[in-house]
Amino acid sequence: MLLFGTILLLGATALSGCSGNSNNAAGTAAGTATGSAEPGAGIDHSKPLTITVFDNAANYQGEQTGWYGKLIKDKFNITLNILSPQVAGDQLYKTRSASGDLGDLLIIENSQLEELIPAGMIMDLTDKIKNTEYLSKYVDNHFKPFNAAFESVNKDGKIYALPTFVSDTSPTTFSEEIPYSSPIMPWDYYKGIGSPKLNNLTDLMNALKQMQEKYPKTPDGKPIVPITLWKDWDNGSMENVRWLSNWYGYEQPNGTSTLQLNAKGDIVPLVDDNSMYKKILQFYYDANKMGLVDPDSPSQDWNKVSEKLTNKQVLLLWYSWQRGFYNTIERGNQGDGNVAIPIADTHIIQNSDAYFGNGRVFAIGSKAKSPERIMEFMDWLASPEGLRYYTNGFEGFNYEKTPEGKFKLTEVGQTAFQENTPVPDEYGGGGYQDGQSKLNTMIMSDFVVDPETKEFYNNTYWSSTIEANKTVLTTEWQKAYNATTPTEYYQKNNMIDIVPNINTSLGSDSSDIKNKRSQISDYVKNTSWKMIFAKDQAEFDQLWNKLKSDVVGLGWNDVLAVDTERAQKIVKMRADAVANK
């Protein structure tokens, strides 16, 4: 029986987690990288290799340092030099792809892969993957079907890329205890205002106002804000609007920027007066007029937001993983921590486990140096050892083996990420969070079963964690909502639609559509922010009406037509997945 976790997923998925050798700690996992020593027989590791990683998932740019950097240096004699568009800006992709060399190891979007294959910038991995120990196990059920979807540029069915966050459950299973996006708030503060039932967003704002008035500052004097927003994740539209739209059954599929889609297959343009996008903008505007929106929102980036989450300075969260910045077992035993607080009129849309992956891929650049060493590194990422390090840190520090042969988080491991716990020098030194993998994504997800423990790599679902998480916080929540987990609550009350997670090629934009999409996206994002901070409702409405009119002149109808065709493909593939499950 699963309990909703109060522990951080210790690793990169916490910022989006995981792995380690069950017998070795990071500093000793591989010995020294000399000659053609372990790990790869026949591969010469004697020369240091710096791999340039173009990484759309990274929130960090520069050399991988800290404990993870030491681990891969000791094991492979490799240093990762990460290039991050999230840090450097979108122009980075345009500049490097125009040069014909994006990098050695590429973590890119599906749409970018489709552009780069015909440009000759992606290496064919079909034969290379046959010789891998771990990746080869997933070829037939996962990698081949994914690559086959790129039929317009991959007529021979080659394997050019490996999708990210691949699960090993089924195409229609949702394993997580809480939806990816749902209302989440501090349990102690919510109880402190009488645990009012939330019927709608108006009730939510009133509850946030009451909490703000009763709990204006943290114990150490930092201001508490009900809602905080940030710009640096905005892509085709405003991300903080996109993910709250999911609460009311509408998602914006990856690869589109002009529409939203529900579980029934209904397609609604973002600029439709009845769109969920507009309704969530209205919610944020109303919240701001009530003094609920963090005034730092227009100027802060994600790093600043994460600091506030760690300090419990934010009342409303919506990403499931945001709980990990604050929640611990110790706090849970005091009834303290962020938990799901359902709103009665919501009906969440939730994608199933990513059986075929989730929107991005790992690929090797066609001009990569030492591709056999990069392939070896990728194979290790999908190994039990690699997955344990990435998700859970290293044995003896973050977790330990139980007499039953399972894993259990150590006292240090329970809070290493939140507290950026110092790492012993023999493992690389520095802070744990600072030194974790900056790749910020995985090939196989933590919803794959560890062959040694027969449990998911995701430590929230370890039997030891489930037992430890029977805290005051979880038991109070379960009693209040008569459910074991938030997912169970939403399912029991018919408040969630779980749809197959479709990971496919939706086609790349022509140069004309790409240009129009870029201009429209910039305008939509800029106007969205202006609307939230409008001086009054009249200005909000004026900005919206101007947006609807102006985007038409920027080519809205052309981009919408492309996105509609893509959304219809998703609808059909979802129907096929349900029919064939």
Protein backbone atom coordinates (compact mmCIF):
# COMPACT_ATOMS: atom_id res chain seq x y z
CA MET A 1 0.00 0.00 0.00
CA LEU A 2 1.52 3.31 -1.04
CA LEU A 3 1.59 6.37 1.13
CA PHE A 4 2.15 9.74 -0.48
CA GLY A 5 5.81 10.52 0.12
CA THR A 6 7.15 13.15 2.41
CA ILE A 7 10.68 12.48 1.16
CA LEU A 8 12.47 14.12 -1.70
CA LEU A 9 13.22 12.11 -4.77
CA LEU A 10 16.93 12.51 -4.23
CA GLY A 11 18.40 13.52 -7.54
CA ALA A 12 17.76 15.23 -10.80
CA THR A 13 14.13 14.21 -11.05
CA ALA A 14 13.56 16.31 -7.96
CA LEU A 15 14.27 19.26 -10.18
CA SER A 16 12.38 18.06 -12.91
CA GLY A 17 16.64 12.08 -9.62
CA CYS A 18 19.01 8.71 -9.49
CA SER A 19 21.53 6.06 -8.83
CA GLY A 20 24.37 4.15 -7.43
CA ASN A 21 26.17 0.92 -7.23
CA SER A 22 24.69 -1.22 -4.50
CA ASN A 23 28.16 -2.09 -3.29
CA ASN A 24 30.25 0.99 -3.98
CA ALA A 25 30.18 4.64 -2.99
CA ALA A 26 30.81 7.36 -5.53
CA GLY A 27 34.47 7.86 -4.85
CA THR A 28 35.35 4.17 -5.20
CA ALA A 29 32.85 2.94 -7.77
CA ALA A 30 35.35 2.31 -10.51
CA GLY A 31 38.83 2.69 -9.19
CA THR A 32 41.10 4.64 -11.50
CA ALA A 33 40.43 5.20 -15.17
CA THR A 34 43.68 4.07 -16.71
CA GLY A 35 44.53 1.91 -19.71
CA SER A 36 41.65 -0.12 -21.04
CA ALA A 37 40.45 -0.77 -17.52
CA GLU A 38 36.92 -1.44 -16.30
CA PRO A 39 34.12 -0.49 -17.07
CA GLY A 40 34.27 -1.19 -20.82
CA ALA A 41 36.39 -4.06 -22.05
CA GLY A 42 38.38 -2.98 -25.08
CA ILE A 43 37.73 0.73 -24.59
CA ASP A 44 40.76 2.84 -23.78
CA HIS A 45 40.07 5.20 -20.87
CA SER A 46 43.66 6.36 -20.43
CA LYS A 47 43.09 9.74 -22.06
CA PRO A 48 40.80 12.28 -20.36
CA LEU A 49 37.69 13.00 -22.42
CA THR A 50 35.58 16.13 -22.17
CA ILE A 51 32.10 15.59 -23.60
CA THR A 52 30.22 18.68 -24.73
CA VAL A 53 26.61 18.07 -23.70
CA PHE A 54 23.94 20.19 -25.37
CA ASP A 55 21.18 19.78 -22.80
CA ASN A 56 17.70 21.27 -23.08
CA ALA A 57 16.79 19.81 -19.68
CA ALA A 58 19.66 21.42 -17.74
CA ASN A 59 19.19 24.36 -15.40
CA TYR A 60 22.97 24.69 -15.16
CA GLN A 61 25.74 25.54 -17.60
CA GLY A 62 29.41 24.63 -17.25
CA GLU A 63 31.47 21.70 -16.04
CA GLN A 64 29.83 18.97 -13.98
CA THR A 65 31.60 19.13 -10.61
CA GLY A 66 30.97 17.77 -7.12
CA TRP A 67 30.32 14.15 -6.23
CA TYR A 68 28.71 13.20 -9.55
CA GLY A 69 31.53 14.83 -11.47
CA LYS A 70 34.10 12.86 -9.46
CA LEU A 71 32.11 9.66 -9.93
CA ILE A 72 32.15 9.76 -13.73
CA LYS A 73 35.72 11.06 -13.80
CA ASP A 74 36.88 8.13 -11.68
CA LYS A 75 34.78 5.62 -13.56
CA PHE A 76 35.15 6.76 -17.17
CA ASN A 77 37.85 9.48 -17.13
CA ILE A 78 35.11 11.73 -18.53
CA THR A 79 34.24 15.34 -17.79
CA LEU A 80 30.88 16.74 -18.82
CA ASN A 81 30.78 20.31 -20.16
CA ILE A 82 27.11 21.24 -20.21
CA LEU A 83 25.56 23.79 -22.57
CA SER A 84 22.10 24.82 -21.41
CA PRO A 85 19.61 26.79 -23.54
CA GLN A 86 17.62 27.39 -20.34
CA VAL A 87 20.63 29.36 -19.09
CA ALA A 88 22.12 30.75 -22.29
CA GLY A 89 18.89 31.32 -24.22
CA ASP A 90 17.21 29.82 -27.28
CA GLN A 91 19.77 31.40 -29.60
CA LEU A 92 22.26 28.76 -28.45
CA TYR A 93 20.46 26.06 -30.42
CA LYS A 94 20.19 28.20 -33.51
CA THR A 95 23.85 29.20 -33.45
CA ARG A 96 25.29 25.74 -32.83
CA SER A 97 22.96 23.89 -35.21
CA ALA A 98 23.77 26.43 -37.93
CA SER A 99 27.44 25.60 -37.42
CA GLY A 100 26.70 21.94 -38.08
CA ASP A 101 27.90 20.76 -34.68
CA LEU A 102 25.49 20.95 -31.76
CA GLY A 103 27.73 18.94 -29.44
CA ASP A 104 28.90 15.42 -28.58
CA LEU A 105 26.04 14.20 -26.37
CA LEU A 106 22.68 15.79 -27.16
CA ILE A 107 19.62 15.99 -24.91
CA ILE A 108 17.12 17.63 -27.23
CA GLU A 109 13.43 17.92 -28.01
CA ASN A 110 11.67 15.46 -30.33
CA SER A 111 11.06 18.27 -32.79
CA GLN A 112 14.74 19.18 -32.83
CA LEU A 113 15.69 15.56 -33.47
CA GLU A 114 13.45 15.56 -36.52
CA GLU A 115 15.26 18.63 -37.84
CA LEU A 116 18.73 17.31 -37.14
CA ILE A 117 18.43 13.80 -38.64
CA PRO A 118 18.06 14.97 -42.26
CA ALA A 119 20.70 17.63 -41.61
CA GLY A 120 23.18 14.82 -40.97
CA MET A 121 23.89 16.00 -37.42
CA ILE A 122 22.75 12.86 -35.56
CA MET A 123 24.74 9.63 -35.38
CA ASP A 124 23.07 6.32 -36.28
CA LEU A 125 23.08 4.18 -33.12
CA THR A 126 21.45 1.06 -34.57
CA ASP A 127 24.56 -1.09 -34.58
CA LYS A 128 26.17 0.53 -31.55
CA ILE A 129 23.22 -0.21 -29.28
CA LYS A 130 23.36 -3.93 -30.12
CA ASN A 131 26.61 -4.25 -28.16
CA THR A 132 25.37 -2.52 -25.01
CA GLU A 133 24.68 -4.48 -21.86
CA TYR A 134 21.67 -2.54 -20.60
CA LEU A 135 20.22 -0.36 -23.35
CA SER A 136 19.90 -3.35 -25.68
CA LYS A 137 17.23 -4.80 -23.36
CA TYR A 138 14.87 -1.95 -24.20
CA VAL A 139 15.30 -1.82 -27.98
CA ASP A 140 12.30 -3.82 -29.17
CA ASN A 141 9.62 -2.59 -26.75
CA HIS A 142 10.72 1.01 -26.32
CA PHE A 143 13.42 2.43 -28.59
CA LYS A 144 12.38 0.93 -31.94
CA PRO A 145 8.71 1.99 -31.65
CA PHE A 146 9.76 5.50 -30.68
CA ASN A 147 12.25 5.93 -33.54
CA ALA A 148 9.83 4.39 -36.04
CA ALA A 149 7.47 7.30 -35.44
CA PHE A 150 9.98 9.57 -37.19
CA GLU A 151 9.10 7.88 -40.46
CA SER A 152 9.29 11.03 -42.56
CA VAL A 153 13.02 11.37 -41.84
CA ASN A 154 13.80 7.79 -40.83
CA LYS A 155 12.41 5.60 -43.59
CA ASP A 156 14.82 2.74 -42.80
CA GLY A 157 13.71 2.50 -39.16
CA LYS A 158 17.13 3.23 -37.69
CA ILE A 159 17.72 4.07 -34.03
CA TYR A 160 18.95 7.64 -33.90
CA ALA A 161 17.93 8.52 -30.36
CA LEU A 162 16.84 7.16 -27.00
CA PRO A 163 13.75 8.76 -25.42
CA THR A 164 13.95 10.10 -21.88
CA PHE A 165 12.21 8.92 -18.71
CA VAL A 166 11.19 5.58 -20.21
CA SER A 167 9.14 3.50 -17.75
CA ASP A 168 8.84 -0.27 -17.75
CA THR A 169 5.23 -0.60 -16.60
CA SER A 170 2.66 -0.35 -19.41
CA PRO A 171 1.39 2.28 -21.88
CA THR A 172 -1.74 2.95 -19.80
CA THR A 173 -0.45 2.69 -16.21
CA PHE A 174 -0.07 5.67 -13.87
CA SER A 175 2.15 4.62 -10.96
CA GLU A 176 2.63 7.84 -9.05
CA GLU A 177 0.90 8.63 -5.79
CA ILE A 178 0.03 12.19 -6.80
CA PRO A 179 -0.75 13.80 -10.18
CA TYR A 180 2.06 15.75 -11.79
CA SER A 181 0.10 19.00 -11.39
CA SER A 182 -2.50 19.48 -8.65
CA PRO A 183 -3.13 21.92 -5.76
CA ILE A 184 -0.55 21.44 -2.98
CA MET A 185 -0.27 23.48 0.23
CA PRO A 186 1.30 23.35 3.72
CA TRP A 187 -0.84 21.04 5.87
CA ASP A 188 -0.17 22.83 9.15
CA TYR A 189 -1.09 26.23 7.74
CA TYR A 190 -4.20 24.84 6.04
CA LYS A 191 -5.32 23.25 9.31
CA GLY A 192 -4.48 26.49 11.08
CA ILE A 193 -7.26 28.28 9.23
CA GLY A 194 -9.78 25.53 9.92
CA SER A 195 -9.25 23.31 6.86
CA PRO A 196 -12.00 25.00 4.81
CA LYS A 197 -13.48 22.95 1.98
CA LEU A 198 -12.33 24.32 -1.35
CA ASN A 199 -15.10 24.18 -3.95
CA ASN A 200 -13.47 26.37 -6.58
CA LEU A 201 -10.63 28.80 -7.28
CA THR A 202 -12.41 31.59 -5.39
CA ASP A 203 -12.37 29.43 -2.26
CA LEU A 204 -8.69 28.72 -2.91
CA MET A 205 -7.86 32.43 -3.05
CA ASN A 206 -9.80 33.10 0.14
CA ALA A 207 -7.96 30.29 1.90
CA LEU A 208 -4.61 31.59 0.67
CA LYS A 209 -5.52 35.07 1.94
CA GLN A 210 -6.37 33.69 5.38
CA MET A 211 -3.09 31.77 5.52
CA GLN A 212 -1.17 34.83 4.38
CA GLU A 213 -2.68 36.91 7.17
CA LYS A 214 -2.13 34.26 9.84
CA TYR A 215 1.33 33.20 8.66
CA PRO A 216 3.01 36.26 7.13
CA LYS A 217 6.60 35.19 7.82
CA THR A 218 8.72 32.10 8.37
CA PRO A 219 10.13 31.49 11.87
CA ASP A 220 13.37 33.17 10.76
CA GLY A 221 11.56 36.24 9.46
CA LYS A 222 11.42 35.61 5.70
CA PRO A 223 8.21 36.80 3.98
CA ILE A 224 5.72 34.10 2.98
CA VAL A 225 3.98 34.54 -0.38
CA PRO A 226 0.82 32.66 -1.38
CA ILE A 227 1.72 32.32 -5.07
CA THR A 228 5.07 32.77 -6.79
CA LEU A 229 5.66 32.73 -10.55
CA TRP A 230 8.76 32.68 -12.76
CA LYS A 231 9.46 33.42 -16.42
CA ASP A 232 12.52 31.42 -17.36
CA TRP A 233 10.59 28.20 -18.05
CA ASP A 234 8.17 29.87 -20.47
CA ASN A 235 8.20 28.26 -23.88
CA GLY A 236 5.30 28.44 -26.33
CA SER A 237 3.11 30.10 -23.73
CA MET A 238 3.28 30.89 -20.02
CA GLU A 239 4.26 27.68 -18.20
CA ASN A 240 2.67 28.68 -14.88
CA VAL A 241 -0.63 29.01 -16.71
CA ARG A 242 -0.18 25.87 -18.77
CA TRP A 243 0.15 23.55 -15.78
CA LEU A 244 -2.75 24.95 -13.77
CA SER A 245 -4.92 24.38 -16.85
CA ASN A 246 -4.37 20.65 -16.20
CA TRP A 247 -6.39 20.98 -12.99
CA TYR A 248 -9.45 21.59 -15.12
CA GLY A 249 -8.85 18.92 -17.72
CA TYR A 250 -6.88 20.74 -20.42
CA GLU A 251 -3.26 20.18 -21.37
CA GLN A 252 -1.01 21.86 -23.90
CA PRO A 253 0.68 18.98 -25.75
CA ASN A 254 4.42 19.22 -26.31
CA GLY A 255 5.09 20.35 -29.85
CA THR A 256 2.17 22.75 -29.87
CA SER A 257 1.83 26.32 -28.63
CA THR A 258 -1.58 27.58 -29.77
CA LEU A 259 -4.09 25.13 -28.31
CA GLN A 260 -5.17 22.98 -25.41
CA LEU A 261 -6.58 19.45 -25.48
CA ASN A 262 -8.79 17.48 -23.08
CA ALA A 263 -9.22 13.76 -22.48
CA LYS A 264 -12.20 13.54 -24.82
CA GLY A 265 -10.16 14.93 -27.68
CA ASP A 266 -11.69 18.40 -27.69
CA ILE A 267 -9.28 21.02 -29.04
CA VAL A 268 -9.55 24.63 -27.84
CA PRO A 269 -7.33 27.49 -29.11
CA LEU A 270 -5.46 29.34 -26.36
CA VAL A 271 -7.00 32.66 -27.40
CA ASP A 272 -10.58 31.37 -27.34
CA ASP A 273 -12.64 33.35 -24.83
CA ASN A 274 -13.65 30.07 -23.16
CA SER A 275 -10.16 28.58 -23.08
CA MET A 276 -8.74 27.29 -19.83
CA TYR A 277 -5.67 29.36 -20.59
CA LYS A 278 -7.72 32.55 -20.25
CA LYS A 279 -9.48 31.26 -17.12
CA ILE A 280 -6.17 30.60 -15.37
CA LEU A 281 -4.86 34.02 -16.41
CA GLN A 282 -8.00 35.47 -14.82
CA PHE A 283 -7.30 33.46 -11.65
CA TYR A 284 -3.77 34.85 -11.40
CA TYR A 285 -5.03 38.39 -12.09
CA ASP A 286 -7.68 38.08 -9.37
CA ALA A 287 -5.09 36.62 -7.00
CA ASN A 288 -2.72 39.49 -7.68
CA LYS A 289 -5.44 42.06 -7.00
CA MET A 290 -5.91 40.34 -3.62
CA GLY A 291 -2.19 40.73 -2.91
CA LEU A 292 -1.54 36.99 -3.25
CA VAL A 293 1.05 36.99 -6.06
CA ASP A 294 4.72 37.39 -5.19
CA PRO A 295 5.86 40.84 -6.40
CA ASP A 296 9.22 39.27 -7.31
CA SER A 297 7.49 37.11 -9.95
CA PRO A 298 8.21 39.23 -13.06
CA SER A 299 11.93 39.48 -12.30
CA GLN A 300 12.92 36.24 -10.54
CA ASP A 301 14.18 33.00 -12.07
CA TRP A 302 13.66 29.38 -11.04
CA ASN A 303 16.74 29.37 -8.79
CA LYS A 304 15.21 32.08 -6.64
CA VAL A 305 11.90 30.21 -6.52
CA SER A 306 13.63 27.00 -5.40
CA GLU A 307 15.21 28.89 -2.49
CA LYS A 308 11.76 30.05 -1.40
CA LEU A 309 10.38 26.51 -1.65
CA THR A 310 13.23 25.19 0.49
CA ASN A 311 12.43 27.83 3.12
CA LYS A 312 8.65 27.15 3.04
CA GLN A 313 7.99 30.67 1.82
CA VAL A 314 5.36 29.66 -0.77
CA LEU A 315 1.82 28.56 0.08
CA LEU A 316 0.57 27.19 -3.25
CA LEU A 317 2.55 24.58 -5.16
CA TRP A 318 1.42 22.65 -8.23
CA TYR A 319 4.23 20.36 -9.40
CA SER A 320 4.29 17.07 -7.46
CA TRP A 321 8.07 17.18 -7.08
CA GLN A 322 8.02 20.64 -5.49
CA ARG A 323 7.12 18.97 -2.19
CA GLY A 324 10.64 17.59 -2.06
CA PHE A 325 12.23 20.97 -1.46
CA TYR A 326 10.78 21.04 2.07
CA ASN A 327 9.15 17.76 3.11
CA THR A 328 11.07 15.36 5.36
CA ILE A 329 10.09 12.50 7.65
CA GLU A 330 11.11 14.53 10.69
CA ARG A 331 8.80 17.35 9.69
CA GLY A 332 6.10 14.86 8.74
CA ASN A 333 6.18 13.46 12.27
CA GLN A 334 5.40 16.99 13.44
CA GLY A 335 2.47 17.28 11.02
CA ASP A 336 4.47 19.70 8.88
CA GLY A 337 4.82 19.45 5.12
CA ASN A 338 3.24 20.21 1.75
CA VAL A 339 0.35 17.95 0.75
CA ALA A 340 -2.41 17.71 -1.85
CA ILE A 341 -5.42 19.87 -1.02
CA PRO A 342 -8.11 18.93 -3.59
CA ILE A 343 -10.45 21.55 -5.04
CA ALA A 344 -13.91 20.10 -5.62
CA ASP A 345 -14.57 21.45 -9.11
CA THR A 346 -11.26 20.33 -10.59
CA HIS A 347 -10.98 17.40 -13.00
CA ILE A 348 -7.31 16.74 -13.62
CA ILE A 349 -5.86 15.47 -16.87
CA GLN A 350 -2.88 13.21 -16.19
CA ASN A 351 -0.60 11.41 -18.62
CA SER A 352 0.19 7.77 -17.87
CA ASP A 353 3.68 6.48 -17.15
CA ALA A 354 6.08 7.32 -19.97
CA TYR A 355 6.38 3.81 -21.39
CA PHE A 356 7.71 5.18 -24.67
CA GLY A 357 9.52 8.14 -23.11
CA ASN A 358 8.62 11.72 -22.53
CA GLY A 359 9.33 14.50 -25.02
CA ARG A 360 13.13 14.64 -25.09
CA VAL A 361 15.84 12.29 -26.31
CA PHE A 362 19.48 11.35 -25.80
CA ALA A 363 21.43 11.34 -29.06
CA ILE A 364 25.05 11.50 -30.18
CA GLY A 365 26.20 14.26 -32.49
CA SER A 366 27.52 13.08 -35.84
CA LYS A 367 30.85 14.84 -35.19
CA ALA A 368 31.20 13.54 -31.63
CA LYS A 369 34.62 12.66 -30.32
CA SER A 370 34.99 9.06 -29.06
CA PRO A 371 31.37 7.97 -29.68
CA GLU A 372 32.13 4.51 -28.23
CA ARG A 373 32.94 6.12 -24.88
CA ILE A 374 29.78 8.25 -24.99
CA MET A 375 27.74 5.13 -25.79
CA GLU A 376 29.38 3.34 -22.87
CA PHE A 377 28.43 6.25 -20.60
CA MET A 378 24.82 6.22 -21.81
CA ASP A 379 24.62 2.46 -21.26
CA TRP A 380 25.83 2.97 -17.70
CA LEU A 381 23.15 5.63 -17.16
CA ALA A 382 20.56 2.90 -17.83
CA SER A 383 22.31 0.33 -15.61
CA PRO A 384 21.27 -0.44 -12.04
CA GLU A 385 24.41 1.30 -10.81
CA GLY A 386 23.88 4.37 -12.96
CA LEU A 387 20.20 4.62 -12.10
CA ARG A 388 20.83 4.31 -8.37
CA TYR A 389 23.44 7.07 -8.40
CA TYR A 390 21.28 9.40 -10.44
CA THR A 391 18.11 8.88 -8.41
CA ASN A 392 19.29 8.17 -4.91
CA GLY A 393 22.90 9.26 -4.54
CA PHE A 394 25.33 6.70 -3.19
CA GLU A 395 25.15 3.78 -0.80
CA GLY A 396 26.47 4.43 2.69
CA PHE A 397 25.68 8.13 2.47
CA ASN A 398 22.16 8.48 1.05
CA TYR A 399 20.88 4.95 1.58
CA GLU A 400 21.82 1.56 2.98
CA LYS A 401 20.84 -2.07 2.49
CA THR A 402 18.33 -3.68 4.89
CA PRO A 403 18.56 -7.26 6.20
CA GLU A 404 15.81 -8.14 3.72
CA GLY A 405 17.96 -7.06 0.78
CA LYS A 406 15.98 -3.88 0.15
CA PHE A 407 17.21 -0.29 0.36
CA LYS A 408 16.49 2.27 3.06
CA LEU A 409 17.27 5.98 3.15
CA THR A 410 19.77 6.99 5.80
CA GLU A 411 19.09 9.88 8.14
CA VAL A 412 21.40 11.96 5.97
CA GLY A 413 19.71 10.74 2.80
CA GLN A 414 16.31 11.92 3.98
CA THR A 415 17.37 15.57 3.83
CA ALA A 416 20.57 15.66 1.76
CA PHE A 417 18.95 17.50 -1.14
CA GLN A 418 16.94 20.02 0.86
CA GLU A 419 19.82 20.87 3.18
CA ASN A 420 22.55 20.58 0.54
CA THR A 421 24.36 18.36 3.02
CA PRO A 422 28.18 18.44 2.81
CA VAL A 423 29.56 15.40 1.02
CA PRO A 424 32.68 13.68 2.39
CA ASP A 425 35.85 14.61 0.52
CA GLU A 426 36.45 11.04 -0.63
CA TYR A 427 33.21 11.25 -2.58
CA GLY A 428 33.92 14.64 -4.13
CA GLY A 429 33.17 17.13 -1.37
CA GLY A 430 30.90 20.15 -1.70
CA GLY A 431 27.15 20.14 -1.11
CA TYR A 432 25.02 17.17 -2.13
CA GLN A 433 22.51 19.21 -4.16
CA ASP A 434 25.30 21.24 -5.75
CA GLY A 435 27.06 18.08 -6.88
CA GLN A 436 24.15 16.05 -8.20
CA SER A 437 23.89 15.26 -11.90
CA LYS A 438 23.34 18.43 -13.89
CA LEU A 439 22.05 16.44 -16.87
CA ASN A 440 18.68 16.79 -15.12
CA THR A 441 17.14 13.93 -17.09
CA MET A 442 17.35 10.16 -17.49
CA ILE A 443 17.01 7.58 -20.26
CA MET A 444 15.20 5.03 -18.11
CA SER A 445 12.98 6.54 -15.43
CA ASP A 446 12.82 5.74 -11.74
CA PHE A 447 9.64 3.79 -12.51
CA VAL A 448 11.75 0.84 -13.59
CA VAL A 449 12.23 -2.08 -11.19
CA ASP A 450 15.68 -2.51 -9.68
CA PRO A 451 16.63 -6.16 -10.32
CA GLU A 452 18.37 -6.39 -6.94
CA THR A 453 15.56 -5.11 -4.72
CA LYS A 454 12.54 -5.83 -6.95
CA GLU A 455 11.32 -2.32 -6.14
CA PHE A 456 11.21 0.88 -8.19
CA TYR A 457 14.37 2.99 -8.20
CA ASN A 458 12.10 5.80 -7.01
CA ASN A 459 12.77 5.82 -3.26
CA THR A 460 9.30 7.12 -2.46
CA TYR A 461 8.00 3.66 -3.36
CA TRP A 462 10.54 1.63 -1.41
CA SER A 463 8.84 -0.51 1.25
CA SER A 464 11.15 1.07 3.83
CA THR A 465 10.07 4.58 2.80
CA ILE A 466 6.41 3.66 2.79
CA GLU A 467 6.76 2.40 6.35
CA ALA A 468 8.79 5.42 7.44
CA ASN A 469 6.28 7.76 5.84
CA LYS A 470 3.52 6.67 8.18
CA THR A 471 3.90 10.00 9.89
CA VAL A 472 1.48 12.34 11.60
CA LEU A 473 1.28 14.25 8.32
CA THR A 474 0.30 11.26 6.17
CA THR A 475 -2.06 9.66 8.64
CA GLU A 476 -3.89 12.95 9.26
CA TRP A 477 -4.21 13.54 5.53
CA GLN A 478 -5.47 10.00 4.90
CA LYS A 479 -8.07 10.30 7.64
CA ALA A 480 -9.24 13.70 6.38
CA TYR A 481 -9.63 12.54 2.77
CA ASN A 482 -10.44 8.85 3.31
CA ALA A 483 -7.78 7.78 0.80
CA THR A 484 -4.28 6.36 0.89
CA THR A 485 -2.85 8.70 -1.74
CA PRO A 486 -3.97 11.79 -3.66
CA THR A 487 -4.17 9.75 -6.88
CA GLU A 488 -6.51 7.29 -5.15
CA TYR A 489 -8.61 10.20 -3.85
CA TYR A 490 -8.96 11.75 -7.29
CA GLN A 491 -9.83 8.39 -8.85
CA LYS A 492 -12.40 7.50 -6.17
CA ASN A 493 -14.11 10.84 -6.62
CA ASN A 494 -14.03 10.86 -10.43
CA MET A 495 -11.77 13.91 -10.47
CA ILE A 496 -9.04 12.69 -12.83
CA ASP A 497 -8.66 11.42 -16.38
CA ILE A 498 -5.54 9.30 -17.00
CA VAL A 499 -4.65 9.39 -20.68
CA PRO A 500 -1.95 7.38 -22.50
CA ASN A 501 1.36 9.19 -22.59
CA ILE A 502 2.04 9.64 -26.29
CA ASN A 503 5.67 10.27 -27.14
CA THR A 504 6.06 10.64 -30.86
CA SER A 505 7.21 12.79 -33.71
CA LEU A 506 4.67 15.50 -34.39
CA GLY A 507 6.61 16.89 -37.32
CA SER A 508 8.99 19.80 -37.45
CA ASP A 509 7.97 23.33 -38.37
CA SER A 510 8.71 24.77 -41.78
CA SER A 511 10.82 27.91 -41.64
CA ASP A 512 7.68 29.98 -42.20
CA ILE A 513 5.75 28.31 -39.37
CA LYS A 514 8.78 28.41 -37.09
CA ASN A 515 9.11 32.15 -37.58
CA LYS A 516 5.40 32.75 -37.04
CA ARG A 517 5.33 30.48 -33.97
CA SER A 518 8.27 32.33 -32.43
CA GLN A 519 6.66 35.73 -32.89
CA ILE A 520 3.28 34.52 -31.63
CA SER A 521 4.79 32.76 -28.62
CA ASP A 522 6.74 35.83 -27.57
CA TYR A 523 3.64 37.97 -27.88
CA VAL A 524 1.44 35.50 -25.98
CA LYS A 525 3.97 35.18 -23.15
CA ASN A 526 4.56 38.93 -22.82
CA THR A 527 0.85 39.73 -22.90
CA SER A 528 0.06 36.98 -20.39
CA TRP A 529 2.41 38.52 -17.85
CA LYS A 530 0.98 41.98 -18.49
CA MET A 531 -2.55 40.66 -17.96
CA ILE A 532 -1.73 39.12 -14.58
CA PHE A 533 -0.33 42.44 -13.37
CA ALA A 534 -2.92 44.66 -15.09
CA LYS A 535 -4.07 47.65 -13.04
CA ASP A 536 -7.76 46.72 -13.34
CA GLN A 537 -10.18 44.36 -15.06
CA ALA A 538 -10.68 46.79 -17.92
CA GLU A 539 -6.98 46.70 -18.75
CA PHE A 540 -6.96 42.90 -18.41
CA ASP A 541 -9.83 42.63 -20.92
CA GLN A 542 -8.26 45.18 -23.26
CA LEU A 543 -4.97 43.27 -23.32
CA TRP A 544 -6.82 40.00 -24.01
CA ASN A 545 -8.86 41.43 -26.87
CA LYS A 546 -5.77 43.01 -28.38
CA LEU A 547 -3.94 39.68 -28.08
CA LYS A 548 -6.73 37.85 -29.93
CA SER A 549 -6.65 40.40 -32.71
CA ASP A 550 -2.91 40.91 -33.05
CA VAL A 551 -1.90 37.25 -33.21
CA VAL A 552 -4.03 36.81 -36.32
CA GLY A 553 -1.80 39.28 -38.08
CA LEU A 554 1.25 37.30 -36.94
CA GLY A 555 0.03 34.13 -38.66
CA TRP A 556 -2.02 32.58 -35.87
CA ASN A 557 -4.35 30.64 -38.16
CA ASP A 558 -1.44 28.99 -39.98
CA VAL A 559 0.25 27.86 -36.78
CA LEU A 560 -3.05 26.74 -35.26
CA ALA A 561 -3.73 24.58 -38.31
CA VAL A 562 -0.37 22.81 -37.84
CA ASP A 563 -0.97 22.35 -34.12
CA THR A 564 -4.49 21.06 -34.69
CA GLU A 565 -3.19 18.35 -37.02
CA ARG A 566 -0.63 17.37 -34.38
CA ALA A 567 -3.25 17.28 -31.62
CA GLN A 568 -5.49 15.09 -33.78
CA LYS A 569 -2.60 12.64 -34.17
CA ILE A 570 -2.27 12.48 -30.39
CA VAL A 571 -6.00 11.86 -30.00
CA LYS A 572 -5.85 8.95 -32.46
CA MET A 573 -2.78 7.39 -30.87
CA ARG A 574 -4.35 7.62 -27.42
CA ALA A 575 -7.43 5.83 -28.70
CA ASP A 576 -5.22 3.13 -30.23
CA ALA A 577 -3.26 2.71 -26.98
CA VAL A 578 -6.46 2.23 -24.98
CA ALA A 579 -7.84 -0.21 -27.54
CA ASN A 580 -4.64 -2.28 -27.56
CA LYS A 581 -3.75 -2.22 -23.87
